[in-house]
PDB file of N, CA and C in Angstrom:
ATOM      1  N   MET A   1       0.841  -1.180   0.000  1.00  0.00           N
ATOM      2  CA  MET A   1       0.000   0.000   0.000  1.00  0.00           C
ATOM      3  C   MET A   1       0.886   1.242   0.000  1.00  0.00           C
ATOM      4  N   LYS A   2       0.553   2.202  -0.887  1.00  0.00           N
ATOM      5  CA  LYS A   2       1.331   3.427  -0.979  1.00  0.00           C
ATOM      6  C   LYS A   2       0.921   4.405   0.110  1.00  0.00           C
ATOM      7  N   GLU A   3       1.891   5.200   0.526  1.00  0.00           N
ATOM      8  CA  GLU A   3       1.605   6.254   1.491  1.00  0.00           C
ATOM      9  C   GLU A   3       1.068   7.479   0.765  1.00  0.00           C
ATOM     10  N   VAL A   4       0.272   8.254   1.459  1.00  0.00           N
ATOM     11  CA  VAL A   4      -0.267   9.491   0.911  1.00  0.00           C
ATOM     12  C   VAL A   4       0.758  10.596   1.133  1.00  0.00           C
ATOM     13  N   ASN A   5       1.025  11.362   0.087  1.00  0.00           N
ATOM     14  CA  ASN A   5       1.907  12.517   0.196  1.00  0.00           C
ATOM     15  C   ASN A   5       1.101  13.636   0.848  1.00  0.00           C
ATOM     16  N   ALA A   6       1.372  13.916   2.111  1.00  0.00           N
ATOM     17  CA  ALA A   6       0.583  14.893   2.871  1.00  0.00           C
ATOM     18  C   ALA A   6       0.667  16.287   2.267  1.00  0.00           C
ATOM     19  N   ASP A   7       1.835  16.665   1.745  1.00  0.00           N
ATOM     20  CA  ASP A   7       1.981  17.993   1.139  1.00  0.00           C
ATOM     21  C   ASP A   7       1.137  18.114  -0.125  1.00  0.00           C
ATOM     22  N   LEU A   8       1.167  17.070  -0.956  1.00  0.00           N
ATOM     23  CA  LEU A   8       0.360  17.088  -2.172  1.00  0.00           C
ATOM     24  C   LEU A   8      -1.122  17.077  -1.825  1.00  0.00           C
ATOM     25  N   TYR A   9      -1.505  16.292  -0.847  1.00  0.00           N
ATOM     26  CA  TYR A   9      -2.900  16.255  -0.410  1.00  0.00           C
ATOM     27  C   TYR A   9      -3.366  17.653   0.000  1.00  0.00           C
ATOM     28  N   HIS A  10      -2.539  18.369   0.743  1.00  0.00           N
ATOM     29  CA  HIS A  10      -2.899  19.724   1.186  1.00  0.00           C
ATOM     30  C   HIS A  10      -3.072  20.655  -0.016  1.00  0.00           C
ATOM     31  N   VAL A  11      -2.149  20.586  -0.971  1.00  0.00           N
ATOM     32  CA  VAL A  11      -2.239  21.441  -2.165  1.00  0.00           C
ATOM     33  C   VAL A  11      -3.509  21.125  -2.947  1.00  0.00           C
ATOM     34  N   LEU A  12      -3.812  19.842  -3.121  1.00  0.00           N
ATOM     35  CA  LEU A  12      -5.017  19.461  -3.857  1.00  0.00           C
ATOM     36  C   LEU A  12      -6.279  19.859  -3.114  1.00  0.00           C
ATOM     37  N   ASN A  13      -6.250  19.760  -1.812  1.00  0.00           N
ATOM     38  CA  ASN A  13      -7.404  20.112  -0.993  1.00  0.00           C
ATOM     39  C   ASN A  13      -7.700  21.610  -1.040  1.00  0.00           C
ATOM     40  N   GLU A  14      -6.670  22.411  -1.248  1.00  0.00           N
ATOM     41  CA  GLU A  14      -6.820  23.869  -1.255  1.00  0.00           C
ATOM     42  C   GLU A  14      -7.136  24.442  -2.636  1.00  0.00           C
ATOM     43  N   ASN A  15      -7.137  23.601  -3.677  1.00  0.00           N
ATOM     44  CA  ASN A  15      -7.349  24.069  -5.047  1.00  0.00           C
ATOM     45  C   ASN A  15      -8.454  23.275  -5.716  1.00  0.00           C
ATOM     46  N   GLU A  16      -8.963  23.834  -6.825  1.00  0.00           N
ATOM     47  CA  GLU A  16     -10.023  23.162  -7.577  1.00  0.00           C
ATOM     48  C   GLU A  16      -9.472  21.906  -8.249  1.00  0.00           C
ATOM     49  N   THR A  17     -10.112  20.781  -8.001  1.00  0.00           N
ATOM     50  CA  THR A  17      -9.724  19.520  -8.621  1.00  0.00           C
ATOM     51  C   THR A  17     -10.934  18.913  -9.321  1.00  0.00           C
ATOM     52  N   GLY A  18     -10.696  17.960 -10.190  1.00  0.00           N
ATOM     53  CA  GLY A  18     -11.806  17.305 -10.863  1.00  0.00           C
ATOM     54  C   GLY A  18     -11.338  16.084 -11.625  1.00  0.00           C
ATOM     55  N   LEU A  19     -12.300  15.433 -12.268  1.00  0.00           N
ATOM     56  CA  LEU A  19     -12.052  14.233 -13.061  1.00  0.00           C
ATOM     57  C   LEU A  19     -12.693  14.405 -14.433  1.00  0.00           C
ATOM     58  N   TYR A  20     -12.106  13.800 -15.460  1.00  0.00           N
ATOM     59  CA  TYR A  20     -12.712  13.815 -16.794  1.00  0.00           C
ATOM     60  C   TYR A  20     -12.270  12.587 -17.572  1.00  0.00           C
ATOM     61  N   THR A  21     -12.983  12.290 -18.646  1.00  0.00           N
ATOM     62  CA  THR A  21     -12.605  11.243 -19.593  1.00  0.00           C
ATOM     63  C   THR A  21     -12.671  11.833 -20.983  1.00  0.00           C
ATOM     64  N   GLN A  22     -11.980  11.197 -21.914  1.00  0.00           N
ATOM     65  CA  GLN A  22     -12.057  11.581 -23.318  1.00  0.00           C
ATOM     66  C   GLN A  22     -12.452  10.337 -24.094  1.00  0.00           C
ATOM     67  N   GLU A  23     -13.435  10.482 -24.962  1.00  0.00           N
ATOM     68  CA  GLU A  23     -13.915   9.354 -25.754  1.00  0.00           C
ATOM     69  C   GLU A  23     -14.132   8.140 -24.854  1.00  0.00           C
ATOM     70  N   PHE A  24     -15.019   8.290 -23.896  1.00  0.00           N
ATOM     71  CA  PHE A  24     -15.199   7.312 -22.818  1.00  0.00           C
ATOM     72  C   PHE A  24     -15.384   5.882 -23.314  1.00  0.00           C
ATOM     73  N   HIS A  25     -16.136   5.691 -24.398  1.00  0.00           N
ATOM     74  CA  HIS A  25     -16.409   4.326 -24.863  1.00  0.00           C
ATOM     75  C   HIS A  25     -15.153   3.648 -25.413  1.00  0.00           C
ATOM     76  N   LYS A  26     -14.233   4.447 -25.963  1.00  0.00           N
ATOM     77  CA  LYS A  26     -13.006   3.883 -26.518  1.00  0.00           C
ATOM     78  C   LYS A  26     -11.890   3.835 -25.480  1.00  0.00           C
ATOM     79  N   ASN A  27     -11.862   4.804 -24.609  1.00  0.00           N
ATOM     80  CA  ASN A  27     -10.763   4.931 -23.647  1.00  0.00           C
ATOM     81  C   ASN A  27     -11.367   5.120 -22.267  1.00  0.00           C
ATOM     82  N   LYS A  28     -11.295   4.115 -21.448  1.00  0.00           N
ATOM     83  CA  LYS A  28     -11.952   4.177 -20.152  1.00  0.00           C
ATOM     84  C   LYS A  28     -11.061   4.769 -19.064  1.00  0.00           C
ATOM     85  N   THR A  29     -10.000   5.465 -19.458  1.00  0.00           N
ATOM     86  CA  THR A  29      -9.127   6.101 -18.489  1.00  0.00           C
ATOM     87  C   THR A  29      -9.811   7.335 -17.920  1.00  0.00           C
ATOM     88  N   VAL A  30      -9.784   7.451 -16.631  1.00  0.00           N
ATOM     89  CA  VAL A  30     -10.289   8.643 -15.961  1.00  0.00           C
ATOM     90  C   VAL A  30      -9.078   9.484 -15.591  1.00  0.00           C
ATOM     91  N   TYR A  31      -9.113  10.742 -15.974  1.00  0.00           N
ATOM     92  CA  TYR A  31      -8.005  11.655 -15.709  1.00  0.00           C
ATOM     93  C   TYR A  31      -8.367  12.576 -14.548  1.00  0.00           C
ATOM     94  N   ALA A  32      -7.397  12.822 -13.687  1.00  0.00           N
ATOM     95  CA  ALA A  32      -7.573  13.766 -12.586  1.00  0.00           C
ATOM     96  C   ALA A  32      -6.790  15.035 -12.924  1.00  0.00           C
ATOM     97  N   TYR A  33      -7.309  16.180 -12.497  1.00  0.00           N
ATOM     98  CA  TYR A  33      -6.622  17.445 -12.747  1.00  0.00           C
ATOM     99  C   TYR A  33      -6.756  18.365 -11.544  1.00  0.00           C
ATOM    100  N   VAL A  34      -5.914  19.382 -11.523  1.00  0.00           N
ATOM    101  CA  VAL A  34      -5.973  20.417 -10.497  1.00  0.00           C
ATOM    102  C   VAL A  34      -5.683  21.760 -11.163  1.00  0.00           C
ATOM    103  N   HIS A  35      -6.395  22.785 -10.729  1.00  0.00           N
ATOM    104  CA  HIS A  35      -6.115  24.154 -11.132  1.00  0.00           C
ATOM    105  C   HIS A  35      -5.275  24.781 -10.022  1.00  0.00           C
ATOM    106  N   ILE A  36      -4.078  25.242 -10.366  1.00  0.00           N
ATOM    107  CA  ILE A  36      -3.170  25.856  -9.405  1.00  0.00           C
ATOM    108  C   ILE A  36      -3.045  27.334  -9.729  1.00  0.00           C
ATOM    109  N   ASP A  37      -3.299  28.182  -8.748  1.00  0.00           N
ATOM    110  CA  ASP A  37      -3.067  29.624  -8.924  1.00  0.00           C
ATOM    111  C   ASP A  37      -1.579  29.850  -9.148  1.00  0.00           C
ATOM    112  N   PHE A  38      -1.244  30.864  -9.952  1.00  0.00           N
ATOM    113  CA  PHE A  38       0.161  31.154 -10.215  1.00  0.00           C
ATOM    114  C   PHE A  38       0.939  31.364  -8.918  1.00  0.00           C
ATOM    115  N   SER A  39       0.299  31.979  -7.939  1.00  0.00           N
ATOM    116  CA  SER A  39       0.983  32.257  -6.666  1.00  0.00           C
ATOM    117  C   SER A  39       1.259  30.981  -5.867  1.00  0.00           C
ATOM    118  N   ASP A  40       0.609  29.871  -6.210  1.00  0.00           N
ATOM    119  CA  ASP A  40       0.789  28.609  -5.494  1.00  0.00           C
ATOM    120  C   ASP A  40       1.681  27.613  -6.236  1.00  0.00           C
ATOM    121  N   LEU A  41       2.277  28.020  -7.351  1.00  0.00           N
ATOM    122  CA  LEU A  41       3.096  27.095  -8.138  1.00  0.00           C
ATOM    123  C   LEU A  41       4.299  26.575  -7.361  1.00  0.00           C
ATOM    124  N   GLU A  42       4.914  27.413  -6.569  1.00  0.00           N
ATOM    125  CA  GLU A  42       6.075  26.976  -5.788  1.00  0.00           C
ATOM    126  C   GLU A  42       5.671  25.887  -4.794  1.00  0.00           C
ATOM    127  N   ASP A  43       4.529  26.063  -4.122  1.00  0.00           N
ATOM    128  CA  ASP A  43       4.047  25.049  -3.175  1.00  0.00           C
ATOM    129  C   ASP A  43       3.757  23.734  -3.899  1.00  0.00           C
ATOM    130  N   PHE A  44       3.158  23.819  -5.092  1.00  0.00           N
ATOM    131  CA  PHE A  44       2.871  22.616  -5.871  1.00  0.00           C
ATOM    132  C   PHE A  44       4.167  21.909  -6.255  1.00  0.00           C
ATOM    133  N   ALA A  45       5.151  22.659  -6.744  1.00  0.00           N
ATOM    134  CA  ALA A  45       6.427  22.067  -7.151  1.00  0.00           C
ATOM    135  C   ALA A  45       7.119  21.385  -5.979  1.00  0.00           C
ATOM    136  N   GLU A  46       7.072  21.983  -4.818  1.00  0.00           N
ATOM    137  CA  GLU A  46       7.672  21.371  -3.630  1.00  0.00           C
ATOM    138  C   GLU A  46       6.926  20.105  -3.224  1.00  0.00           C
ATOM    139  N   ALA A  47       5.611  20.104  -3.373  1.00  0.00           N
ATOM    140  CA  ALA A  47       4.799  18.959  -2.960  1.00  0.00           C
ATOM    141  C   ALA A  47       5.027  17.740  -3.857  1.00  0.00           C
ATOM    142  N   VAL A  48       5.195  17.955  -5.170  1.00  0.00           N
ATOM    143  CA  VAL A  48       5.347  16.822  -6.086  1.00  0.00           C
ATOM    144  C   VAL A  48       6.792  16.394  -6.267  1.00  0.00           C
ATOM    145  N   GLY A  49       7.736  17.229  -5.890  1.00  0.00           N
ATOM    146  CA  GLY A  49       9.145  16.888  -6.047  1.00  0.00           C
ATOM    147  C   GLY A  49       9.636  17.146  -7.462  1.00  0.00           C
ATOM    148  N   THR A  50      10.833  16.677  -7.771  1.00  0.00           N
ATOM    149  CA  THR A  50      11.453  16.985  -9.062  1.00  0.00           C
ATOM    150  C   THR A  50      11.067  16.029 -10.185  1.00  0.00           C
ATOM    151  N   TYR A  51      10.595  14.837  -9.855  1.00  0.00           N
ATOM    152  CA  TYR A  51      10.304  13.817 -10.869  1.00  0.00           C
ATOM    153  C   TYR A  51       9.437  14.324 -12.033  1.00  0.00           C
ATOM    154  N   PRO A  52       8.293  14.980 -11.787  1.00  0.00           N
ATOM    155  CA  PRO A  52       7.437  15.389 -12.913  1.00  0.00           C
ATOM    156  C   PRO A  52       8.081  16.424 -13.841  1.00  0.00           C
ATOM    157  N   PHE A  53       9.129  17.108 -13.370  1.00  0.00           N
ATOM    158  CA  PHE A  53       9.741  18.167 -14.168  1.00  0.00           C
ATOM    159  C   PHE A  53      10.964  17.685 -14.945  1.00  0.00           C
ATOM    160  N   GLU A  54      11.350  16.427 -14.729  1.00  0.00           N
ATOM    161  CA  GLU A  54      12.464  15.859 -15.480  1.00  0.00           C
ATOM    162  C   GLU A  54      11.994  15.487 -16.878  1.00  0.00           C
ATOM    163  N   GLU A  55      12.918  15.228 -17.753  1.00  0.00           N
ATOM    164  CA  GLU A  55      12.614  14.807 -19.130  1.00  0.00           C
ATOM    165  C   GLU A  55      11.748  15.822 -19.870  1.00  0.00           C
ATOM    166  N   GLY A  56      11.998  17.095 -19.695  1.00  0.00           N
ATOM    167  CA  GLY A  56      11.302  18.116 -20.479  1.00  0.00           C
ATOM    168  C   GLY A  56      10.079  18.721 -19.829  1.00  0.00           C
ATOM    169  N   GLY A  57       9.853  18.466 -18.570  1.00  0.00           N
ATOM    170  CA  GLY A  57       8.746  19.098 -17.867  1.00  0.00           C
ATOM    171  C   GLY A  57       7.426  18.380 -18.069  1.00  0.00           C
ATOM    172  N   MET A  58       6.338  19.127 -17.933  1.00  0.00           N
ATOM    173  CA  MET A  58       5.007  18.556 -18.077  1.00  0.00           C
ATOM    174  C   MET A  58       4.131  19.499 -18.883  1.00  0.00           C
ATOM    175  N   LYS A  59       3.157  18.929 -19.565  1.00  0.00           N
ATOM    176  CA  LYS A  59       2.210  19.732 -20.326  1.00  0.00           C
ATOM    177  C   LYS A  59       1.132  20.241 -19.383  1.00  0.00           C
ATOM    178  N   VAL A  60       0.750  21.511 -19.558  1.00  0.00           N
ATOM    179  CA  VAL A  60      -0.295  22.117 -18.749  1.00  0.00           C
ATOM    180  C   VAL A  60      -1.204  22.933 -19.670  1.00  0.00           C
ATOM    181  N   THR A  61      -2.357  23.288 -19.153  1.00  0.00           N
ATOM    182  CA  THR A  61      -3.243  24.216 -19.835  1.00  0.00           C
ATOM    183  C   THR A  61      -3.283  25.480 -18.998  1.00  0.00           C
ATOM    184  N   MET A  62      -2.907  26.591 -19.607  1.00  0.00           N
ATOM    185  CA  MET A  62      -2.823  27.837 -18.865  1.00  0.00           C
ATOM    186  C   MET A  62      -4.083  28.674 -19.088  1.00  0.00           C
ATOM    187  N   PHE A  63      -4.645  29.142 -17.987  1.00  0.00           N
ATOM    188  CA  PHE A  63      -5.800  30.019 -18.014  1.00  0.00           C
ATOM    189  C   PHE A  63      -5.368  31.409 -17.542  1.00  0.00           C
ATOM    190  N   GLU A  64      -6.314  32.310 -17.408  1.00  0.00           N
ATOM    191  CA  GLU A  64      -5.983  33.682 -17.033  1.00  0.00           C
ATOM    192  C   GLU A  64      -5.305  33.766 -15.666  1.00  0.00           C
ATOM    193  N   ARG A  65      -5.788  32.998 -14.693  1.00  0.00           N
ATOM    194  CA  ARG A  65      -5.241  33.093 -13.335  1.00  0.00           C
ATOM    195  C   ARG A  65      -4.730  31.763 -12.782  1.00  0.00           C
ATOM    196  N   THR A  66      -4.897  30.688 -13.540  1.00  0.00           N
ATOM    197  CA  THR A  66      -4.486  29.373 -13.044  1.00  0.00           C
ATOM    198  C   THR A  66      -3.801  28.566 -14.141  1.00  0.00           C
ATOM    199  N   ILE A  67      -3.163  27.498 -13.707  1.00  0.00           N
ATOM    200  CA  ILE A  67      -2.621  26.498 -14.609  1.00  0.00           C
ATOM    201  C   ILE A  67      -3.312  25.188 -14.260  1.00  0.00           C
ATOM    202  N   CYS A  68      -3.830  24.504 -15.273  1.00  0.00           N
ATOM    203  CA  CYS A  68      -4.496  23.228 -15.065  1.00  0.00           C
ATOM    204  C   CYS A  68      -3.497  22.113 -15.373  1.00  0.00           C
ATOM    205  N   ILE A  69      -3.299  21.232 -14.398  1.00  0.00           N
ATOM    206  CA  ILE A  69      -2.293  20.179 -14.507  1.00  0.00           C
ATOM    207  C   ILE A  69      -2.967  18.818 -14.380  1.00  0.00           C
ATOM    208  N   ASP A  70      -2.720  17.934 -15.357  1.00  0.00           N
ATOM    209  CA  ASP A  70      -3.183  16.549 -15.240  1.00  0.00           C
ATOM    210  C   ASP A  70      -2.348  15.847 -14.188  1.00  0.00           C
ATOM    211  N   LEU A  71      -2.997  15.100 -13.329  1.00  0.00           N
ATOM    212  CA  LEU A  71      -2.325  14.489 -12.178  1.00  0.00           C
ATOM    213  C   LEU A  71      -2.007  13.011 -12.330  1.00  0.00           C
ATOM    214  N   ASN A  72      -2.507  12.348 -13.355  1.00  0.00           N
ATOM    215  CA  ASN A  72      -2.340  10.900 -13.455  1.00  0.00           C
ATOM    216  C   ASN A  72      -0.879  10.463 -13.377  1.00  0.00           C
ATOM    217  N   ASP A  73      -0.002  11.091 -14.151  1.00  0.00           N
ATOM    218  CA  ASP A  73       1.403  10.705 -14.133  1.00  0.00           C
ATOM    219  C   ASP A  73       2.039  10.979 -12.783  1.00  0.00           C
ATOM    220  N   ILE A  74       1.630  12.055 -12.137  1.00  0.00           N
ATOM    221  CA  ILE A  74       2.177  12.402 -10.817  1.00  0.00           C
ATOM    222  C   ILE A  74       1.720  11.391  -9.777  1.00  0.00           C
ATOM    223  N   ILE A  75       0.447  11.062  -9.806  1.00  0.00           N
ATOM    224  CA  ILE A  75      -0.100  10.126  -8.821  1.00  0.00           C
ATOM    225  C   ILE A  75       0.471   8.735  -9.050  1.00  0.00           C
ATOM    226  N   GLU A  76       0.546   8.300 -10.310  1.00  0.00           N
ATOM    227  CA  GLU A  76       1.049   6.973 -10.619  1.00  0.00           C
ATOM    228  C   GLU A  76       2.550   6.862 -10.415  1.00  0.00           C
ATOM    229  N   GLY A  77       3.270   8.002 -10.585  1.00  0.00           N
ATOM    230  CA  GLY A  77       4.732   7.996 -10.460  1.00  0.00           C
ATOM    231  C   GLY A  77       5.139   7.971  -9.027  1.00  0.00           C
TER     232      GLY A  77
END
């Protein structure tokens, strides 16, 4: 059984999170995401560690005041 990353849990608890699927009938993967305010990016980076930023970083969707980050690779990694 994996341990829960308390720092990541706190960051996710303090920000908007959600779940989505794409082409549900063909791909039954459920994706998790979080919207992080720009001012909270440092806290997020500290919570997830360096792994997600290796090998060229991570893809995000940037909005006016937040960045939306898919969490599946972070959670599974």
